[in-house]
């Protein structure tokens, strides 16, 4: 009788602990307002445009327990009468919190001036994203933006993989979420989280070859 009672108490205590942990996890997920996608769309930089990228953010966030409205941190360039879109204008006003409850930036200006790190820029599951020195390295993040979060005008150079619809021709500006990279021709290192260097092309193999996986940043407004 005593053993049965003791076992019941242990079971009840375990159930309460598990329920409490699940509640904390759900609350943390719903507080999350920033993440790097744990996986890309798998078709290079063809994300289905901004709408397709936003939908990918929402799908991953929902699977992680978030019910917020999500937008991809991506810029687009003017085309066929349509105006450009700046990534910084798509993400709300902040503050933004990662999956572990750590504030990465208080507002848009803070986001584009603060020193962000690999330890802060987590995926929607709260896991670190591979960077330089990891295997495989996936620190190339699609942005199509300059360091201020605005679209890039570089003459005839494509900076957004045809506004996120190309999986072959073209190129896009990439950021390094880990703030690491080799020096370029000017002696400066590729370190910015949102504007480090251009992609080789828009294909999945070329994104992988230079240290990426077609990942991008997602923010809740």
C-alpha atoms as a PDB file:
ATOM      1  CA  UNK A   1       0.000   0.000   0.000  1.00  0.00           C
ATOM      2  CA  UNK A   2       2.815   2.360   0.984  1.00  0.00           C
ATOM      3  CA  UNK A   3       4.735   1.602  -2.246  1.00  0.00           C
ATOM      4  CA  UNK A   4       1.616   2.176  -4.328  1.00  0.00           C
ATOM      5  CA  UNK A   5       0.998   5.530  -2.666  1.00  0.00           C
ATOM      6  CA  UNK A   6       4.644   6.548  -3.060  1.00  0.00           C
ATOM      7  CA  UNK A   7       4.567   5.593  -6.732  1.00  0.00           C
ATOM      8  CA  UNK A   8       1.406   7.615  -7.274  1.00  0.00           C
ATOM      9  CA  UNK A   9       2.986  10.652  -5.632  1.00  0.00           C
ATOM     10  CA  UNK A  10       6.089  10.349  -7.810  1.00  0.00           C
ATOM     11  CA  UNK A  11       3.956  10.005 -10.947  1.00  0.00           C
ATOM     12  CA  UNK A  12       1.843  13.025  -9.979  1.00  0.00           C
ATOM     13  CA  UNK A  13       4.939  15.091  -9.233  1.00  0.00           C
ATOM     14  CA  UNK A  14       6.505  14.147 -12.555  1.00  0.00           C
ATOM     15  CA  UNK A  15       3.313  15.053 -14.408  1.00  0.00           C
ATOM     16  CA  UNK A  16       3.220  18.460 -12.709  1.00  0.00           C
ATOM     17  CA  UNK A  17       6.879  19.105 -13.604  1.00  0.00           C
ATOM     18  CA  UNK A  18       6.320  18.113 -17.230  1.00  0.00           C
ATOM     19  CA  UNK A  19       3.206  20.274 -17.456  1.00  0.00           C
ATOM     20  CA  UNK A  20       5.110  23.195 -15.958  1.00  0.00           C
ATOM     21  CA  UNK A  21       8.002  22.739 -18.386  1.00  0.00           C
ATOM     22  CA  UNK A  22       5.579  22.584 -21.312  1.00  0.00           C
ATOM     23  CA  UNK A  23       3.906  25.799 -20.139  1.00  0.00           C
ATOM     24  CA  UNK A  24       7.241  27.606 -19.843  1.00  0.00           C
ATOM     25  CA  UNK A  25       8.264  26.346 -23.285  1.00  0.00           C
ATOM     26  CA  UNK A  26       4.992  27.548 -24.808  1.00  0.00           C
ATOM     27  CA  UNK A  27       5.313  30.957 -23.150  1.00  0.00           C
ATOM     28  CA  UNK A  28       8.898  31.315 -24.379  1.00  0.00           C
ATOM     29  CA  UNK A  29       7.887  30.382 -27.924  1.00  0.00           C
ATOM     30  CA  UNK A  30       5.069  32.902 -27.930  1.00  0.00           C
ATOM     31  CA  UNK A  31       7.390  35.621 -26.605  1.00  0.00           C
ATOM     32  CA  UNK A  32       9.909  34.920 -29.370  1.00  0.00           C
ATOM     33  CA  UNK A  33       9.971  37.673 -31.976  1.00  0.00           C
ATOM     34  CA  UNK A  34      13.157  36.865 -33.904  1.00  0.00           C
ATOM     35  CA  UNK A  35      14.857  33.803 -35.349  1.00  0.00           C
ATOM     36  CA  UNK A  36      17.003  32.496 -38.177  1.00  0.00           C
ATOM     37  CA  UNK A  37      15.198  29.854 -40.186  1.00  0.00           C
ATOM     38  CA  UNK A  38      16.391  26.394 -39.161  1.00  0.00           C
ATOM     39  CA  UNK A  39      16.016  25.310 -42.790  1.00  0.00           C
ATOM     40  CA  UNK A  40      15.746  27.181 -46.066  1.00  0.00           C
ATOM     41  CA  UNK A  41      13.105  26.647 -48.713  1.00  0.00           C
ATOM     42  CA  UNK A  42      15.451  24.215 -50.459  1.00  0.00           C
ATOM     43  CA  UNK A  43      15.272  25.921 -53.854  1.00  0.00           C
ATOM     44  CA  UNK A  44      18.218  28.249 -53.590  1.00  0.00           C
ATOM     45  CA  UNK A  45      17.178  31.892 -53.301  1.00  0.00           C
ATOM     46  CA  UNK A  46      13.817  31.230 -54.938  1.00  0.00           C
ATOM     47  CA  UNK A  47      11.684  31.863 -51.877  1.00  0.00           C
ATOM     48  CA  UNK A  48       8.475  32.593 -53.749  1.00  0.00           C
ATOM     49  CA  UNK A  49       9.097  36.318 -53.366  1.00  0.00           C
ATOM     50  CA  UNK A  50       8.500  38.162 -50.113  1.00  0.00           C
ATOM     51  CA  UNK A  51       5.138  36.437 -49.627  1.00  0.00           C
ATOM     52  CA  UNK A  52       6.715  32.998 -49.879  1.00  0.00           C
ATOM     53  CA  UNK A  53       9.496  33.963 -47.477  1.00  0.00           C
ATOM     54  CA  UNK A  54       6.991  35.341 -44.963  1.00  0.00           C
ATOM     55  CA  UNK A  55       4.977  32.141 -45.204  1.00  0.00           C
ATOM     56  CA  UNK A  56       8.106  30.066 -44.514  1.00  0.00           C
ATOM     57  CA  UNK A  57       8.806  32.163 -41.401  1.00  0.00           C
ATOM     58  CA  UNK A  58       5.224  31.645 -40.223  1.00  0.00           C
ATOM     59  CA  UNK A  59       5.292  27.890 -40.818  1.00  0.00           C
ATOM     60  CA  UNK A  60       8.496  27.405 -38.823  1.00  0.00           C
ATOM     61  CA  UNK A  61       7.333  29.721 -36.051  1.00  0.00           C
ATOM     62  CA  UNK A  62       3.963  27.984 -35.749  1.00  0.00           C
ATOM     63  CA  UNK A  63       5.693  24.600 -35.470  1.00  0.00           C
ATOM     64  CA  UNK A  64       7.743  26.070 -32.623  1.00  0.00           C
ATOM     65  CA  UNK A  65       4.585  27.238 -30.838  1.00  0.00           C
ATOM     66  CA  UNK A  66       4.394  30.883 -31.917  1.00  0.00           C
ATOM     67  CA  UNK A  67       1.123  32.537 -32.929  1.00  0.00           C
ATOM     68  CA  UNK A  68       2.591  35.907 -33.977  1.00  0.00           C
ATOM     69  CA  UNK A  69       2.636  37.472 -37.456  1.00  0.00           C
ATOM     70  CA  UNK A  70       6.055  37.018 -39.065  1.00  0.00           C
ATOM     71  CA  UNK A  71       8.002  38.750 -41.832  1.00  0.00           C
ATOM     72  CA  UNK A  72      11.283  37.864 -43.505  1.00  0.00           C
ATOM     73  CA  UNK A  73      14.138  40.343 -43.231  1.00  0.00           C
ATOM     74  CA  UNK A  74      14.595  40.784 -46.979  1.00  0.00           C
ATOM     75  CA  UNK A  75      14.845  43.783 -49.280  1.00  0.00           C
ATOM     76  CA  UNK A  76      13.678  43.966 -52.896  1.00  0.00           C
ATOM     77  CA  UNK A  77      14.717  46.231 -55.765  1.00  0.00           C
ATOM     78  CA  UNK A  78      12.461  48.292 -58.074  1.00  0.00           C
ATOM     79  CA  UNK A  79      11.104  46.308 -61.020  1.00  0.00           C
ATOM     80  CA  UNK A  80       8.470  46.969 -63.684  1.00  0.00           C
ATOM     81  CA  UNK A  81       7.009  49.968 -61.937  1.00  0.00           C
ATOM     82  CA  UNK A  82       6.982  48.381 -58.471  1.00  0.00           C
ATOM     83  CA  UNK A  83       8.938  50.274 -55.852  1.00  0.00           C
ATOM     84  CA  UNK A  84      11.776  48.911 -53.769  1.00  0.00           C
ATOM     85  CA  UNK A  85      11.235  47.435 -50.312  1.00  0.00           C
ATOM     86  CA  UNK A  86      13.691  47.884 -47.453  1.00  0.00           C
ATOM     87  CA  UNK A  87      14.057  44.980 -45.041  1.00  0.00           C
ATOM     88  CA  UNK A  88      14.119  47.352 -42.072  1.00  0.00           C
ATOM     89  CA  UNK A  89      10.617  48.558 -42.925  1.00  0.00           C
ATOM     90  CA  UNK A  90       9.102  45.048 -42.875  1.00  0.00           C
ATOM     91  CA  UNK A  91       9.832  43.998 -39.315  1.00  0.00           C
ATOM     92  CA  UNK A  92       7.918  46.286 -36.976  1.00  0.00           C
ATOM     93  CA  UNK A  93       9.373  48.521 -34.272  1.00  0.00           C
ATOM     94  CA  UNK A  94      10.832  46.026 -31.775  1.00  0.00           C
ATOM     95  CA  UNK A  95      12.005  45.062 -29.274  1.00  0.00           C
ATOM     96  CA  UNK A  96      12.959  41.609 -30.587  1.00  0.00           C
ATOM     97  CA  UNK A  97      13.593  38.552 -28.458  1.00  0.00           C
ATOM     98  CA  UNK A  98      15.153  35.246 -29.486  1.00  0.00           C
ATOM     99  CA  UNK A  99      13.808  31.775 -28.688  1.00  0.00           C
ATOM    100  CA  UNK A 100      15.571  31.772 -25.308  1.00  0.00           C
ATOM    101  CA  UNK A 101      14.105  35.093 -24.217  1.00  0.00           C
ATOM    102  CA  UNK A 102      17.223  37.188 -24.870  1.00  0.00           C
ATOM    103  CA  UNK A 103      16.606  40.644 -26.350  1.00  0.00           C
ATOM    104  CA  UNK A 104      18.722  41.096 -29.475  1.00  0.00           C
ATOM    105  CA  UNK A 105      17.653  44.699 -30.193  1.00  0.00           C
ATOM    106  CA  UNK A 106      15.311  47.300 -28.698  1.00  0.00           C
ATOM    107  CA  UNK A 107      14.289  49.024 -31.936  1.00  0.00           C
ATOM    108  CA  UNK A 108      15.177  49.360 -35.620  1.00  0.00           C
ATOM    109  CA  UNK A 109      18.078  51.742 -35.055  1.00  0.00           C
ATOM    110  CA  UNK A 110      19.469  49.563 -32.275  1.00  0.00           C
ATOM    111  CA  UNK A 111      19.214  46.510 -34.526  1.00  0.00           C
ATOM    112  CA  UNK A 112      21.376  48.152 -37.169  1.00  0.00           C
ATOM    113  CA  UNK A 113      24.028  49.524 -34.817  1.00  0.00           C
ATOM    114  CA  UNK A 114      24.300  46.878 -32.080  1.00  0.00           C
ATOM    115  CA  UNK A 115      26.994  44.193 -32.154  1.00  0.00           C
ATOM    116  CA  UNK A 116      25.025  40.994 -32.733  1.00  0.00           C
ATOM    117  CA  UNK A 117      26.592  37.586 -32.151  1.00  0.00           C
ATOM    118  CA  UNK A 118      26.138  33.947 -33.074  1.00  0.00           C
ATOM    119  CA  UNK A 119      25.053  33.245 -29.476  1.00  0.00           C
ATOM    120  CA  UNK A 120      22.176  35.729 -29.840  1.00  0.00           C
ATOM    121  CA  UNK A 121      21.028  34.909 -33.366  1.00  0.00           C
ATOM    122  CA  UNK A 122      19.359  31.531 -32.805  1.00  0.00           C
ATOM    123  CA  UNK A 123      16.895  29.556 -34.900  1.00  0.00           C
ATOM    124  CA  UNK A 124      13.220  29.114 -33.984  1.00  0.00           C
ATOM    125  CA  UNK A 125      14.066  26.025 -31.938  1.00  0.00           C
ATOM    126  CA  UNK A 126      16.486  27.952 -29.752  1.00  0.00           C
ATOM    127  CA  UNK A 127      19.507  26.248 -31.326  1.00  0.00           C
ATOM    128  CA  UNK A 128      22.669  27.928 -32.552  1.00  0.00           C
ATOM    129  CA  UNK A 129      23.143  28.152 -36.315  1.00  0.00           C
ATOM    130  CA  UNK A 130      26.434  26.815 -37.652  1.00  0.00           C
ATOM    131  CA  UNK A 131      29.079  29.423 -38.361  1.00  0.00           C
ATOM    132  CA  UNK A 132      32.692  29.616 -39.473  1.00  0.00           C
ATOM    133  CA  UNK A 133      34.586  26.635 -38.058  1.00  0.00           C
ATOM    134  CA  UNK A 134      31.475  24.443 -37.839  1.00  0.00           C
ATOM    135  CA  UNK A 135      30.640  21.646 -40.256  1.00  0.00           C
ATOM    136  CA  UNK A 136      28.877  22.552 -42.389  1.00  0.00           C
ATOM    137  CA  UNK A 137      29.305  26.297 -42.198  1.00  0.00           C
ATOM    138  CA  UNK A 138      25.943  27.978 -42.840  1.00  0.00           C
ATOM    139  CA  UNK A 139      26.666  31.552 -41.769  1.00  0.00           C
ATOM    140  CA  UNK A 140      25.644  33.100 -45.132  1.00  0.00           C
ATOM    141  CA  UNK A 141      22.176  34.567 -44.523  1.00  0.00           C
ATOM    142  CA  UNK A 142      20.035  35.951 -47.371  1.00  0.00           C
ATOM    143  CA  UNK A 143      19.183  39.646 -46.921  1.00  0.00           C
ATOM    144  CA  UNK A 144      19.547  41.628 -50.166  1.00  0.00           C
ATOM    145  CA  UNK A 145      20.289  44.595 -47.923  1.00  0.00           C
ATOM    146  CA  UNK A 146      23.018  47.030 -46.951  1.00  0.00           C
ATOM    147  CA  UNK A 147      24.215  47.391 -43.361  1.00  0.00           C
ATOM    148  CA  UNK A 148      21.377  49.836 -42.635  1.00  0.00           C
ATOM    149  CA  UNK A 149      18.755  47.335 -43.800  1.00  0.00           C
ATOM    150  CA  UNK A 150      17.948  49.077 -47.079  1.00  0.00           C
ATOM    151  CA  UNK A 151      17.926  47.681 -50.600  1.00  0.00           C
ATOM    152  CA  UNK A 152      21.142  47.871 -52.592  1.00  0.00           C
ATOM    153  CA  UNK A 153      21.458  49.696 -55.899  1.00  0.00           C
ATOM    154  CA  UNK A 154      24.540  48.371 -57.686  1.00  0.00           C
ATOM    155  CA  UNK A 155      23.910  49.221 -61.320  1.00  0.00           C
ATOM    156  CA  UNK A 156      23.187  46.084 -63.314  1.00  0.00           C
ATOM    157  CA  UNK A 157      24.194  43.767 -60.471  1.00  0.00           C
ATOM    158  CA  UNK A 158      21.333  41.715 -59.064  1.00  0.00           C
ATOM    159  CA  UNK A 159      21.364  41.997 -55.265  1.00  0.00           C
ATOM    160  CA  UNK A 160      18.147  40.096 -54.451  1.00  0.00           C
ATOM    161  CA  UNK A 161      18.150  37.050 -56.773  1.00  0.00           C
ATOM    162  CA  UNK A 162      15.437  38.644 -58.908  1.00  0.00           C
ATOM    163  CA  UNK A 163      13.518  39.681 -55.804  1.00  0.00           C
ATOM    164  CA  UNK A 164      13.720  36.188 -54.325  1.00  0.00           C
ATOM    165  CA  UNK A 165      12.363  34.302 -57.336  1.00  0.00           C
ATOM    166  CA  UNK A 166      15.574  32.916 -58.876  1.00  0.00           C
ATOM    167  CA  UNK A 167      17.230  29.585 -58.149  1.00  0.00           C
ATOM    168  CA  UNK A 168      19.907  30.022 -60.803  1.00  0.00           C
ATOM    169  CA  UNK A 169      20.963  33.257 -62.459  1.00  0.00           C
ATOM    170  CA  UNK A 170      21.635  36.353 -60.427  1.00  0.00           C
ATOM    171  CA  UNK A 171      23.095  37.042 -57.017  1.00  0.00           C
ATOM    172  CA  UNK A 172      22.109  38.367 -53.610  1.00  0.00           C
ATOM    173  CA  UNK A 173      23.705  40.187 -50.737  1.00  0.00           C
ATOM    174  CA  UNK A 174      24.409  37.875 -47.811  1.00  0.00           C
ATOM    175  CA  UNK A 175      25.064  38.576 -44.152  1.00  0.00           C
ATOM    176  CA  UNK A 176      27.213  36.610 -41.676  1.00  0.00           C
ATOM    177  CA  UNK A 177      25.241  35.903 -38.506  1.00  0.00           C
ATOM    178  CA  UNK A 178      28.416  34.920 -36.659  1.00  0.00           C
ATOM    179  CA  UNK A 179      30.290  38.106 -37.549  1.00  0.00           C
ATOM    180  CA  UNK A 180      33.194  36.131 -39.008  1.00  0.00           C
ATOM    181  CA  UNK A 181      34.786  35.921 -42.415  1.00  0.00           C
ATOM    182  CA  UNK A 182      38.029  36.257 -44.389  1.00  0.00           C
ATOM    183  CA  UNK A 183      39.361  39.678 -45.424  1.00  0.00           C
ATOM    184  CA  UNK A 184      38.289  40.944 -48.822  1.00  0.00           C
ATOM    185  CA  UNK A 185      40.350  42.879 -51.353  1.00  0.00           C
ATOM    186  CA  UNK A 186      40.210  46.039 -49.222  1.00  0.00           C
ATOM    187  CA  UNK A 187      41.568  44.234 -46.179  1.00  0.00           C
ATOM    188  CA  UNK A 188      38.229  44.416 -44.403  1.00  0.00           C
ATOM    189  CA  UNK A 189      36.611  41.304 -43.031  1.00  0.00           C
ATOM    190  CA  UNK A 190      33.177  40.041 -44.039  1.00  0.00           C
ATOM    191  CA  UNK A 191      31.566  40.508 -40.662  1.00  0.00           C
ATOM    192  CA  UNK A 192      28.197  42.268 -40.888  1.00  0.00           C
ATOM    193  CA  UNK A 193      25.160  40.214 -39.853  1.00  0.00           C
ATOM    194  CA  UNK A 194      23.175  41.613 -42.789  1.00  0.00           C
ATOM    195  CA  UNK A 195      25.684  42.680 -45.451  1.00  0.00           C
ATOM    196  CA  UNK A 196      28.915  40.701 -45.761  1.00  0.00           C
ATOM    197  CA  UNK A 197      29.301  39.757 -49.452  1.00  0.00           C
ATOM    198  CA  UNK A 198      27.437  38.800 -52.623  1.00  0.00           C
ATOM    199  CA  UNK A 199      26.437  35.232 -53.416  1.00  0.00           C
ATOM    200  CA  UNK A 200      28.089  33.334 -56.255  1.00  0.00           C
ATOM    201  CA  UNK A 201      24.672  32.768 -57.822  1.00  0.00           C
ATOM    202  CA  UNK A 202      21.122  32.021 -56.675  1.00  0.00           C
ATOM    203  CA  UNK A 203      21.282  28.230 -56.894  1.00  0.00           C
ATOM    204  CA  UNK A 204      21.189  25.967 -53.862  1.00  0.00           C
ATOM    205  CA  UNK A 205      24.575  24.365 -54.691  1.00  0.00           C
ATOM    206  CA  UNK A 206      26.264  27.758 -55.022  1.00  0.00           C
ATOM    207  CA  UNK A 207      24.717  29.047 -51.794  1.00  0.00           C
ATOM    208  CA  UNK A 208      26.029  25.953 -50.017  1.00  0.00           C
ATOM    209  CA  UNK A 209      29.453  26.189 -51.654  1.00  0.00           C
ATOM    210  CA  UNK A 210      30.188  29.616 -50.176  1.00  0.00           C
ATOM    211  CA  UNK A 211      29.002  28.788 -46.655  1.00  0.00           C
ATOM    212  CA  UNK A 212      25.227  28.982 -46.683  1.00  0.00           C
ATOM    213  CA  UNK A 213      22.007  26.994 -46.872  1.00  0.00           C
ATOM    214  CA  UNK A 214      19.475  29.545 -48.093  1.00  0.00           C
ATOM    215  CA  UNK A 215      18.618  30.626 -44.543  1.00  0.00           C
ATOM    216  CA  UNK A 216      17.156  34.028 -43.663  1.00  0.00           C
ATOM    217  CA  UNK A 217      16.084  36.134 -40.704  1.00  0.00           C
ATOM    218  CA  UNK A 218      12.477  36.292 -39.475  1.00  0.00           C
ATOM    219  CA  UNK A 219      10.951  39.001 -37.259  1.00  0.00           C
ATOM    220  CA  UNK A 220       7.546  39.365 -35.634  1.00  0.00           C
ATOM    221  CA  UNK A 221       6.050  42.839 -35.836  1.00  0.00           C
END
